[in-house]
Amino acid sequence: MPFYYSFQKATLKGSFFAKDYFTRFVRQYVSHVTKDPSYAETMTAPLMKLMPLISSLGMRWLVALIEDFRSLSEEGDTCEQVLGALSAPLTAARGSGMPVLIMLDDFPLASHMYESVPGDAPGLISLFEEPMKTALCPHLLTGSPEGVMEAIFTDPSFRGRAERMFLEALPEDTARALFTSLCGKLGVRADNGFAPGFARLFGGNPLYIKNMAKALWKMQKKDASEKDLWEAYFFEVTEGETAFYWTSVLGEYIGDAGSMRHALTFLDQMMKSGREAVDFDKLSRTLGIPGHSLKNAFEALKMTGIIEGIGNRDQAKDNVLKDIIQALSMKMLDGKSNEQIRRQMEEKYCRTNAPKACFEMVIPMASDAELVVAKAFEQIGKNLELDQDLIKQIQLAIIESAINAIEHSGSYEKKVGVKIMSYSGKLEIIIESPGRPFDPDATEEPTIEGKLHSANKRGWGLTLMRKIMDEVKVERIGDKTRVILIKNITSSGVSQ
């Protein structure tokens, strides 16, 4: 029976940990037996409510186990509570005859468990030793290979019984196949010729690969081009799930905004300098940060796994993490917005795909505001030497898209962003507004007969846009809906 437990800073107090560990074990055990995941997913209801179900399953030993742990909790002895929780899987294995495989995620955090205040009971981690020695409950521990983890392999009682496993990056062909497969399951086609090279950016990290596939799906990029892949990546490292993951990890060990700024300044300097050793005195003078603050930042970063080993840097081999750190630095140290950060990253990675000309404007959600954009495009089209009839056609598509954004987004910002970009052989127009999402697949295409008998004669906008433009895409970027209008242009300035 598998049991998974992840250590969290919020439950490092001994009594909190014991209750959390024991409750999660019982709920996962019941889920495993009943094949119903809902018991493991619901942590709010007390265990006593599960007693009738457990009794009906004939697991009297589990009923007794719950009652014994409740008695330990009432007595208030922290060590006894922790021991009671840690011994629960062994009791279950003996009572059922089914071994329990235990995975303890982020195990080094166990060394920070305490009784009343942090640091008052450093020996609590030793209580894990006995449960780990039994063959009925094999343990799988994860964590950075130093400190607590290294101590296991130097402990004589574990010699020859513990196996060290280093998690390596996925091979390139496996990583590429995983990325393509995940995209396929989410209804995203990303198996174009540029996808393999793009997948190398993730360095074979399954978490990055999974999150990137989900980002493409969330942004509704069903047939992802190279430009789409980069745009999804820039979003992922600024405010997507991967950025959230690393921000959460940093937040676990770095408590306040001031310390976070010191840590980011330190990381930024280390990545730029490329140095292995850390001279805190010299770095303190260079950065204008007190030496003790830099040392505290260094120790905190070691605990996150971003920096491994005294005086060594490990983040340089992780391109995604480097981009996330740079994005966080620009946000917290320079005050840049996510949009500004993404533009800077686009300049870094996509210089060859930059538009020849780019025009941007913001219009209010007001009556006839769409005509302002149409008038602006008229002049832009003349500057690009487009055919006059083509300019008028595209103006119609722009007006319809802008009206939809103004009337249907429901945005509190009351603004619509417009970007017009000219590429070699292509014109791309983006209409973007925050607010309610829009799914074009859920919109029925109107018919002439249906509209003749309907009080609402509107609703032709999407159909008209698709007739005029070569491609119309609707994407969801964060809290914004983006409509992309694409028109192929010949060298003579007319539609292909």
Protein backbone atom coordinates (compact mmCIF):
# COMPACT_ATOMS: atom_id res chain seq x y z
CA MET A 1 0.00 0.00 0.00
CA PRO A 2 1.53 3.36 -0.99
CA PHE A 3 1.61 6.25 1.48
CA TYR A 4 2.83 9.69 0.43
CA TYR A 5 3.66 12.51 2.84
CA SER A 6 5.15 15.90 2.04
CA PHE A 7 6.75 17.94 4.82
CA GLN A 8 5.53 21.54 5.11
CA LYS A 9 6.77 24.43 7.24
CA ALA A 10 3.25 24.96 8.60
CA THR A 11 3.18 21.50 10.24
CA LEU A 12 6.68 21.26 11.74
CA LYS A 13 5.42 21.66 15.29
CA GLY A 14 5.52 18.11 16.69
CA SER A 15 1.86 17.82 17.69
CA PHE A 16 0.73 19.36 14.37
CA PHE A 17 2.97 17.02 12.40
CA ALA A 18 1.77 13.93 14.28
CA LYS A 19 -1.89 14.72 13.65
CA ASP A 20 -1.28 15.61 10.01
CA TYR A 21 0.86 12.50 9.34
CA PHE A 22 -1.55 10.13 11.09
CA THR A 23 -4.68 11.61 9.49
CA ARG A 24 -3.21 11.51 5.98
CA PHE A 25 -2.07 7.91 6.47
CA VAL A 26 -5.51 6.71 7.62
CA ARG A 27 -7.30 8.54 4.83
CA GLN A 28 -4.91 7.26 2.15
CA TYR A 29 -5.24 3.74 3.56
CA VAL A 30 -9.05 3.87 3.40
CA SER A 31 -8.86 5.29 -0.15
CA HIS A 32 -6.55 2.45 -1.18
CA VAL A 33 -8.86 -0.22 0.25
CA THR A 34 -12.09 1.29 -1.15
CA LYS A 35 -10.47 2.52 -4.41
CA ASP A 36 -12.14 5.88 -3.73
CA PRO A 37 -9.72 8.85 -3.85
CA SER A 38 -12.19 11.22 -2.21
CA TYR A 39 -11.29 9.93 1.28
CA ALA A 40 -7.65 10.97 0.79
CA GLU A 41 -8.53 14.30 -0.79
CA THR A 42 -10.85 15.48 2.02
CA MET A 43 -8.87 16.54 5.09
CA THR A 44 -11.45 18.71 6.86
CA ALA A 45 -13.81 16.06 8.26
CA PRO A 46 -12.62 14.37 11.51
CA LEU A 47 -11.45 10.74 11.37
CA MET A 48 -14.25 9.69 13.74
CA LYS A 49 -16.68 10.11 10.85
CA LEU A 50 -14.84 7.32 9.02
CA MET A 51 -15.29 4.84 11.90
CA PRO A 52 -18.56 3.29 10.60
CA LEU A 53 -17.00 2.73 7.17
CA ILE A 54 -13.80 1.26 8.65
CA SER A 55 -15.83 -1.07 10.87
CA SER A 56 -17.91 -2.21 7.88
CA LEU A 57 -14.67 -3.10 6.08
CA GLY A 58 -13.71 -5.38 8.98
CA MET A 59 -10.56 -3.40 9.89
CA ARG A 60 -10.93 -3.53 13.66
CA TRP A 61 -7.20 -3.01 14.13
CA LEU A 62 -7.52 0.39 12.35
CA VAL A 63 -10.41 1.39 14.66
CA ALA A 64 -8.21 0.55 17.66
CA LEU A 65 -5.30 2.47 16.09
CA ILE A 66 -7.41 5.63 15.73
CA GLU A 67 -8.67 5.40 19.29
CA ASP A 68 -5.11 4.86 20.65
CA PHE A 69 -3.81 7.90 18.76
CA ARG A 70 -6.67 10.03 20.06
CA SER A 71 -5.67 9.04 23.62
CA LEU A 72 -2.04 10.01 22.91
CA SER A 73 -3.18 13.39 21.60
CA GLU A 74 -5.21 14.04 24.74
CA GLU A 75 -2.22 13.21 26.97
CA GLY A 76 -0.19 15.92 25.21
CA ASP A 77 3.25 14.24 25.10
CA THR A 78 4.82 15.40 21.83
CA CYS A 79 7.31 12.54 21.48
CA GLU A 80 4.62 9.92 22.13
CA GLN A 81 2.31 11.55 19.58
CA VAL A 82 5.04 11.58 16.91
CA LEU A 83 5.97 7.97 17.69
CA GLY A 84 2.31 6.98 17.54
CA ALA A 85 1.92 8.58 14.11
CA LEU A 86 5.16 7.12 12.72
CA SER A 87 4.30 3.61 13.92
CA ALA A 88 0.83 3.65 12.31
CA PRO A 89 2.01 2.25 8.92
CA LEU A 90 3.84 -0.61 10.67
CA THR A 91 0.74 -1.41 12.75
CA ALA A 92 -1.30 -1.40 9.54
CA ALA A 93 1.19 -3.68 7.76
CA ARG A 94 1.06 -6.17 10.63
CA GLY A 95 -2.72 -5.96 11.02
CA SER A 96 -3.51 -6.41 7.33
CA GLY A 97 -0.53 -8.43 6.15
CA MET A 98 0.01 -5.82 3.42
CA PRO A 99 3.37 -3.96 3.45
CA VAL A 100 3.30 -0.17 3.27
CA LEU A 101 5.65 1.75 0.97
CA ILE A 102 6.24 5.20 2.48
CA MET A 103 7.45 8.18 0.47
CA LEU A 104 8.57 11.17 2.54
CA ASP A 105 8.94 14.21 0.29
CA ASP A 106 11.31 17.06 1.28
CA PHE A 107 12.55 14.95 4.18
CA PRO A 108 15.30 17.42 5.27
CA LEU A 109 12.52 19.62 6.69
CA ALA A 110 12.03 16.94 9.38
CA SER A 111 15.22 18.20 11.03
CA HIS A 112 13.38 21.46 11.83
CA MET A 113 10.56 19.82 13.79
CA TYR A 114 10.06 21.34 17.24
CA GLU A 115 7.97 20.93 20.40
CA SER A 116 6.89 24.46 21.37
CA VAL A 117 9.23 26.88 19.58
CA PRO A 118 11.59 26.28 16.64
CA GLY A 119 14.89 24.74 17.72
CA ASP A 120 13.75 23.40 21.12
CA ALA A 121 13.72 19.70 20.12
CA PRO A 122 16.35 18.92 17.45
CA GLY A 123 16.21 15.21 18.33
CA LEU A 124 12.66 14.64 17.03
CA ILE A 125 14.02 13.58 13.65
CA SER A 126 15.69 10.57 15.30
CA LEU A 127 12.22 9.11 15.93
CA PHE A 128 12.08 8.17 12.24
CA GLU A 129 15.00 5.75 12.60
CA GLU A 130 13.16 2.68 13.96
CA PRO A 131 10.20 2.78 11.51
CA MET A 132 12.69 2.98 8.63
CA LYS A 133 14.47 -0.24 9.61
CA THR A 134 11.56 -2.64 9.17
CA ALA A 135 11.14 -4.51 5.89
CA LEU A 136 7.35 -4.21 6.26
CA CYS A 137 7.58 -0.44 5.67
CA PRO A 138 10.29 0.43 3.12
CA HIS A 139 10.87 4.20 2.93
CA LEU A 140 11.64 6.41 -0.03
CA LEU A 141 13.05 9.80 1.03
CA THR A 142 13.50 12.80 -1.23
CA GLY A 143 15.64 15.86 -0.66
CA SER A 144 18.85 17.67 -1.50
CA PRO A 145 21.88 15.35 -1.14
CA GLU A 146 23.51 17.04 1.85
CA GLY A 147 23.02 17.42 5.58
CA VAL A 148 20.17 15.23 6.77
CA MET A 149 20.15 13.08 3.64
CA GLU A 150 23.89 12.45 3.77
CA ALA A 151 23.67 11.53 7.46
CA ILE A 152 21.52 8.52 6.58
CA PHE A 153 24.31 7.02 4.48
CA THR A 154 26.96 7.63 7.15
CA ASP A 155 24.83 6.17 9.98
CA PRO A 156 26.22 2.68 10.81
CA SER A 157 22.73 1.31 11.48
CA PHE A 158 21.70 2.06 7.88
CA ARG A 159 24.94 0.93 6.24
CA GLY A 160 24.15 -1.53 3.47
CA ARG A 161 20.41 -1.02 3.90
CA ALA A 162 19.93 2.41 2.29
CA GLU A 163 20.37 2.95 -1.42
CA ARG A 164 21.26 6.33 -2.86
CA MET A 165 19.42 7.31 -6.07
CA PHE A 166 20.21 10.50 -7.96
CA LEU A 167 17.41 11.84 -10.15
CA GLU A 168 18.87 12.51 -13.59
CA ALA A 169 17.31 14.51 -16.38
CA LEU A 170 15.22 12.62 -18.93
CA PRO A 171 17.10 11.70 -22.13
CA GLU A 172 16.39 14.11 -24.96
CA ASP A 173 14.29 11.68 -27.02
CA THR A 174 12.23 10.69 -23.96
CA ALA A 175 11.71 14.33 -22.98
CA ARG A 176 10.58 15.19 -26.51
CA ALA A 177 8.19 12.21 -26.63
CA LEU A 178 6.75 13.14 -23.21
CA PHE A 179 6.15 16.75 -24.26
CA THR A 180 4.46 15.72 -27.53
CA SER A 181 2.38 13.06 -25.76
CA LEU A 182 1.16 15.41 -23.02
CA CYS A 183 0.26 18.05 -25.59
CA GLY A 184 -1.63 15.46 -27.61
CA LYS A 185 -3.69 14.36 -24.60
CA LEU A 186 -4.65 18.01 -24.00
CA GLY A 187 -5.68 18.53 -27.62
CA VAL A 188 -2.62 20.60 -28.54
CA ARG A 189 -0.58 19.81 -31.64
CA ALA A 190 3.05 20.61 -30.94
CA ASP A 191 4.97 18.05 -32.98
CA ASN A 192 6.34 20.51 -35.56
CA GLY A 193 9.99 20.53 -36.56
CA PHE A 194 10.92 23.23 -34.05
CA ALA A 195 9.35 21.44 -31.03
CA PRO A 196 12.33 19.08 -30.43
CA GLY A 197 14.77 21.98 -30.16
CA PHE A 198 12.36 23.88 -27.97
CA ALA A 199 11.97 20.87 -25.63
CA ARG A 200 15.72 20.96 -24.93
CA LEU A 201 15.20 24.21 -23.03
CA PHE A 202 13.52 22.22 -20.23
CA GLY A 203 16.69 20.19 -19.63
CA GLY A 204 14.76 16.92 -19.34
CA ASN A 205 12.83 18.13 -16.26
CA PRO A 206 9.41 16.38 -16.20
CA LEU A 207 7.82 19.13 -14.06
CA TYR A 208 8.76 21.82 -16.58
CA ILE A 209 7.59 19.66 -19.51
CA LYS A 210 4.21 18.95 -17.88
CA ASN A 211 3.62 22.58 -16.91
CA MET A 212 4.54 23.80 -20.39
CA ALA A 213 2.05 21.44 -22.03
CA LYS A 214 -0.64 22.66 -19.59
CA ALA A 215 0.26 26.29 -20.35
CA LEU A 216 -0.33 25.72 -24.08
CA TRP A 217 -3.69 24.11 -23.28
CA LYS A 218 -4.76 26.92 -20.93
CA MET A 219 -3.85 29.50 -23.55
CA GLN A 220 -5.99 27.59 -26.09
CA LYS A 221 -3.09 27.17 -28.52
CA LYS A 222 -4.50 24.14 -30.30
CA ASP A 223 -2.06 24.16 -33.21
CA ALA A 224 1.05 25.61 -31.60
CA SER A 225 3.49 27.48 -33.81
CA GLU A 226 7.02 28.32 -32.75
CA LYS A 227 5.80 31.79 -31.76
CA ASP A 228 3.03 30.20 -29.66
CA LEU A 229 5.54 27.98 -27.86
CA TRP A 230 7.72 30.92 -26.93
CA GLU A 231 4.76 33.00 -25.81
CA ALA A 232 3.53 30.17 -23.57
CA TYR A 233 7.04 29.76 -22.17
CA PHE A 234 7.37 33.45 -21.34
CA PHE A 235 4.01 33.32 -19.56
CA GLU A 236 5.03 30.15 -17.68
CA VAL A 237 8.24 31.67 -16.26
CA THR A 238 6.60 34.95 -15.26
CA GLU A 239 3.24 33.92 -13.79
CA GLY A 240 2.52 30.31 -14.75
CA GLU A 241 2.62 27.15 -12.62
CA THR A 242 6.41 26.76 -12.87
CA ALA A 243 6.96 30.33 -11.66
CA PHE A 244 4.43 29.72 -8.87
CA TYR A 245 6.26 26.53 -7.86
CA TRP A 246 9.65 28.21 -7.48
CA THR A 247 8.15 31.31 -5.85
CA SER A 248 6.47 29.02 -3.30
CA VAL A 249 9.74 27.18 -2.66
CA LEU A 250 11.55 30.47 -2.07
CA GLY A 251 8.71 31.67 0.14
CA GLU A 252 8.99 28.55 2.30
CA TYR A 253 12.50 29.53 3.42
CA ILE A 254 12.65 33.29 2.88
CA GLY A 255 10.04 34.96 5.04
CA ASP A 256 9.86 38.66 4.22
CA ALA A 257 10.14 40.87 1.14
CA GLY A 258 13.43 42.42 2.29
CA SER A 259 15.13 39.04 2.65
CA MET A 260 13.70 37.97 -0.72
CA ARG A 261 15.23 41.03 -2.39
CA HIS A 262 18.60 40.24 -0.81
CA ALA A 263 18.37 36.63 -2.01
CA LEU A 264 17.44 37.66 -5.56
CA THR A 265 20.21 40.27 -5.66
CA PHE A 266 22.67 37.60 -4.49
CA LEU A 267 21.48 35.07 -7.10
CA ASP A 268 21.52 37.63 -9.89
CA GLN A 269 25.10 38.59 -9.04
CA MET A 270 26.22 34.96 -8.84
CA MET A 271 24.73 34.12 -12.23
CA LYS A 272 26.29 37.17 -13.87
CA SER A 273 29.74 36.66 -12.35
CA GLY A 274 29.90 32.90 -12.91
CA ARG A 275 31.96 32.45 -9.76
CA GLU A 276 32.00 29.24 -7.75
CA ALA A 277 33.27 30.50 -4.38
CA VAL A 278 31.49 33.17 -2.33
CA ASP A 279 33.49 35.99 -0.71
CA PHE A 280 30.76 37.44 1.52
CA ASP A 281 32.83 40.43 2.66
CA LYS A 282 33.67 41.51 -0.88
CA LEU A 283 30.15 40.77 -2.14
CA SER A 284 28.67 42.74 0.75
CA ARG A 285 30.64 45.84 -0.26
CA THR A 286 29.80 45.36 -3.95
CA LEU A 287 26.06 44.95 -3.44
CA GLY A 288 25.68 47.26 -0.44
CA ILE A 289 24.01 44.51 1.61
CA PRO A 290 25.15 43.66 5.18
CA GLY A 291 27.33 40.54 5.31
CA HIS A 292 25.04 38.71 7.75
CA SER A 293 22.06 39.32 5.44
CA LEU A 294 23.96 37.80 2.53
CA LYS A 295 24.94 34.77 4.61
CA ASN A 296 21.33 34.30 5.72
CA ALA A 297 20.21 34.51 2.09
CA PHE A 298 22.87 31.98 1.09
CA GLU A 299 21.78 29.49 3.78
CA ALA A 300 18.12 29.90 2.85
CA LEU A 301 18.90 29.35 -0.83
CA LYS A 302 20.83 26.20 0.02
CA MET A 303 17.73 24.83 1.73
CA THR A 304 15.60 25.51 -1.35
CA GLY A 305 17.91 23.38 -3.51
CA ILE A 306 18.69 26.31 -5.81
CA ILE A 307 22.22 26.40 -4.44
CA GLU A 308 23.78 23.09 -3.44
CA GLY A 309 26.97 22.72 -1.44
CA ILE A 310 28.96 25.40 0.35
CA GLY A 311 30.21 27.95 -2.15
CA ASN A 312 28.87 26.10 -5.20
CA ARG A 313 26.20 27.15 -7.66
CA ASP A 314 23.86 24.65 -9.25
CA GLN A 315 21.31 26.90 -10.89
CA ALA A 316 23.44 27.60 -13.97
CA LYS A 317 22.50 24.27 -15.58
CA ASP A 318 18.77 24.96 -15.20
CA ASN A 319 17.80 27.42 -17.94
CA VAL A 320 14.17 27.61 -16.85
CA LEU A 321 15.11 28.40 -13.27
CA LYS A 322 17.54 31.07 -14.46
CA ASP A 323 14.75 32.74 -16.44
CA ILE A 324 12.39 32.56 -13.44
CA ILE A 325 15.01 34.12 -11.15
CA GLN A 326 15.65 36.89 -13.68
CA ALA A 327 11.91 37.50 -14.01
CA LEU A 328 11.52 37.67 -10.22
CA SER A 329 14.49 40.03 -9.99
CA MET A 330 13.07 42.35 -12.63
CA LYS A 331 9.71 42.30 -10.85
CA MET A 332 10.89 42.79 -7.26
CA LEU A 333 14.09 44.80 -7.77
CA ASP A 334 13.26 46.84 -10.87
CA GLY A 335 9.49 47.11 -10.49
CA LYS A 336 8.76 45.80 -13.98
CA SER A 337 5.39 44.34 -14.92
CA ASN A 338 4.93 40.81 -16.26
CA GLU A 339 4.22 42.25 -19.70
CA GLN A 340 7.48 44.24 -19.67
CA ILE A 341 9.41 41.16 -18.54
CA ARG A 342 7.92 39.04 -21.31
CA ARG A 343 8.88 41.63 -23.90
CA GLN A 344 12.45 41.66 -22.65
CA MET A 345 12.59 37.87 -22.81
CA GLU A 346 11.16 37.97 -26.31
CA GLU A 347 14.04 40.21 -27.36
CA LYS A 348 16.47 37.72 -25.81
CA TYR A 349 15.08 34.57 -27.43
CA CYS A 350 13.16 35.64 -30.53
CA ARG A 351 15.17 38.34 -32.29
CA THR A 352 14.92 36.51 -35.63
CA ASN A 353 11.11 36.42 -35.42
CA ALA A 354 10.64 40.08 -34.51
CA PRO A 355 8.07 42.00 -36.60
CA LYS A 356 9.26 44.54 -39.15
CA ALA A 357 6.83 47.10 -37.73
CA CYS A 358 4.71 47.10 -34.58
CA PHE A 359 1.95 49.56 -33.58
CA GLU A 360 0.23 49.46 -30.19
CA MET A 361 -2.67 51.36 -28.69
CA VAL A 362 -5.17 51.16 -25.85
CA ILE A 363 -8.78 52.20 -26.39
CA PRO A 364 -11.52 52.72 -23.80
CA MET A 365 -14.63 50.54 -23.70
CA ALA A 366 -16.71 53.39 -25.03
CA SER A 367 -19.13 53.92 -27.88
CA ASP A 368 -17.44 54.14 -31.32
CA ALA A 369 -13.97 53.49 -29.82
CA GLU A 370 -13.56 50.71 -32.42
CA LEU A 371 -13.67 53.35 -35.16
CA VAL A 372 -10.53 54.95 -33.71
CA VAL A 373 -8.64 51.68 -34.25
CA ALA A 374 -10.08 51.34 -37.76
CA LYS A 375 -8.97 54.87 -38.65
CA ALA A 376 -5.50 54.22 -37.24
CA PHE A 377 -5.21 51.02 -39.28
CA GLU A 378 -6.12 52.94 -42.44
CA GLN A 379 -2.99 55.05 -42.05
CA ILE A 380 -0.89 52.05 -41.01
CA GLY A 381 -2.09 50.13 -44.09
CA LYS A 382 -1.09 53.05 -46.33
CA ASN A 383 2.35 53.16 -44.71
CA LEU A 384 2.72 49.42 -45.37
CA GLU A 385 1.59 50.03 -48.98
CA LEU A 386 -1.38 47.67 -48.70
CA ASP A 387 -4.07 47.50 -51.36
CA GLN A 388 -6.93 49.91 -50.55
CA ASP A 389 -9.63 47.23 -50.83
CA LEU A 390 -7.64 44.98 -48.49
CA ILE A 391 -7.34 47.82 -45.97
CA LYS A 392 -11.13 48.24 -45.95
CA GLN A 393 -11.71 44.50 -45.50
CA ILE A 394 -9.30 44.27 -42.57
CA GLN A 395 -10.87 47.38 -41.04
CA LEU A 396 -14.19 45.49 -40.93
CA ALA A 397 -12.56 42.53 -39.12
CA ILE A 398 -10.88 44.89 -36.64
CA ILE A 399 -14.15 46.71 -35.94
CA GLU A 400 -16.02 43.44 -35.28
CA SER A 401 -13.31 42.11 -32.98
CA ALA A 402 -13.05 45.39 -31.05
CA ILE A 403 -16.85 45.58 -30.65
CA ASN A 404 -16.89 42.04 -29.23
CA ALA A 405 -14.17 42.96 -26.72
CA ILE A 406 -15.95 46.17 -25.71
CA GLU A 407 -19.42 44.66 -25.37
CA HIS A 408 -18.78 41.17 -24.01
CA SER A 409 -15.64 41.08 -21.86
CA GLY A 410 -17.23 42.66 -18.77
CA SER A 411 -13.81 43.96 -17.73
CA TYR A 412 -13.55 46.28 -14.73
CA GLU A 413 -10.50 47.91 -16.38
CA LYS A 414 -12.71 49.21 -19.21
CA LYS A 415 -9.78 49.06 -21.64
CA VAL A 416 -8.95 47.10 -24.80
CA GLY A 417 -5.39 46.61 -26.03
CA VAL A 418 -4.64 46.55 -29.76
CA LYS A 419 -1.38 45.51 -31.39
CA ILE A 420 -0.77 45.57 -35.17
CA MET A 421 2.38 43.80 -36.39
CA SER A 422 3.81 43.50 -39.86
CA TYR A 423 5.98 40.50 -40.73
CA SER A 424 7.48 39.43 -44.03
CA GLY A 425 4.48 38.14 -45.97
CA LYS A 426 2.05 38.42 -43.06
CA LEU A 427 0.00 40.90 -41.07
CA GLU A 428 -1.01 40.07 -37.48
CA ILE A 429 -3.53 42.03 -35.40
CA ILE A 430 -4.14 41.28 -31.71
CA ILE A 431 -7.22 42.50 -29.82
CA GLU A 432 -6.87 41.79 -26.10
CA SER A 433 -9.15 42.51 -23.14
CA PRO A 434 -9.39 41.24 -19.54
CA GLY A 435 -12.65 39.80 -18.29
CA ARG A 436 -14.89 36.88 -19.19
CA PRO A 437 -13.39 34.06 -21.28
CA PHE A 438 -14.68 33.36 -24.77
CA ASP A 439 -14.78 29.92 -26.41
CA PRO A 440 -15.24 30.17 -30.20
CA ASP A 441 -15.97 26.43 -30.43
CA ALA A 442 -19.02 26.90 -28.21
CA THR A 443 -20.38 29.61 -30.49
CA GLU A 444 -22.85 28.43 -33.12
CA GLU A 445 -22.35 29.92 -36.57
CA PRO A 446 -25.50 31.91 -37.43
CA THR A 447 -27.60 31.22 -40.50
CA ILE A 448 -29.44 33.76 -42.64
CA GLU A 449 -32.77 32.02 -42.09
CA GLY A 450 -32.23 31.89 -38.32
CA LYS A 451 -31.36 35.57 -38.10
CA LEU A 452 -34.35 36.61 -40.22
CA HIS A 453 -36.69 35.08 -37.62
CA SER A 454 -34.68 36.31 -34.62
CA ALA A 455 -35.07 39.58 -32.70
CA ASN A 456 -31.25 39.71 -32.35
CA LYS A 457 -29.70 40.43 -35.72
CA ARG A 458 -26.18 40.61 -34.26
CA GLY A 459 -23.75 37.69 -33.89
CA TRP A 460 -22.10 37.71 -37.32
CA GLY A 461 -18.75 39.08 -36.06
CA LEU A 462 -16.78 35.84 -35.79
CA THR A 463 -18.14 34.56 -39.11
CA LEU A 464 -17.19 37.83 -40.83
CA MET A 465 -13.70 37.81 -39.33
CA ARG A 466 -13.12 34.25 -40.56
CA LYS A 467 -14.30 35.18 -44.07
CA ILE A 468 -11.96 38.17 -44.28
CA MET A 469 -8.85 36.90 -42.52
CA ASP A 470 -6.74 33.83 -43.36
CA GLU A 471 -6.65 32.76 -39.74
CA VAL A 472 -8.57 33.73 -36.58
CA LYS A 473 -7.33 32.44 -33.22
CA VAL A 474 -8.81 32.96 -29.77
CA GLU A 475 -6.52 32.45 -26.76
CA ARG A 476 -6.71 32.90 -23.01
CA ILE A 477 -3.63 34.61 -21.52
CA GLY A 478 -3.97 34.81 -17.74
CA ASP A 479 -7.16 36.81 -17.14
CA LYS A 480 -7.25 38.19 -20.70
CA THR A 481 -8.96 36.98 -23.85
CA ARG A 482 -6.90 37.51 -26.98
CA VAL A 483 -8.23 37.44 -30.54
CA ILE A 484 -5.51 37.14 -33.21
CA LEU A 485 -6.32 38.09 -36.80
CA ILE A 486 -3.80 36.93 -39.42
CA LYS A 487 -3.69 37.92 -43.08
CA ASN A 488 -1.14 36.66 -45.58
CA ILE A 489 0.25 39.45 -47.78
CA THR A 490 2.10 39.22 -51.10
CA SER A 491 5.03 41.43 -52.01
CA SER A 492 2.62 43.60 -54.00
CA GLY A 493 0.65 44.37 -50.84
CA VAL A 494 -2.48 42.39 -51.69
CA SER A 495 -4.05 39.30 -50.15
CA GLN A 496 -2.70 35.90 -51.15
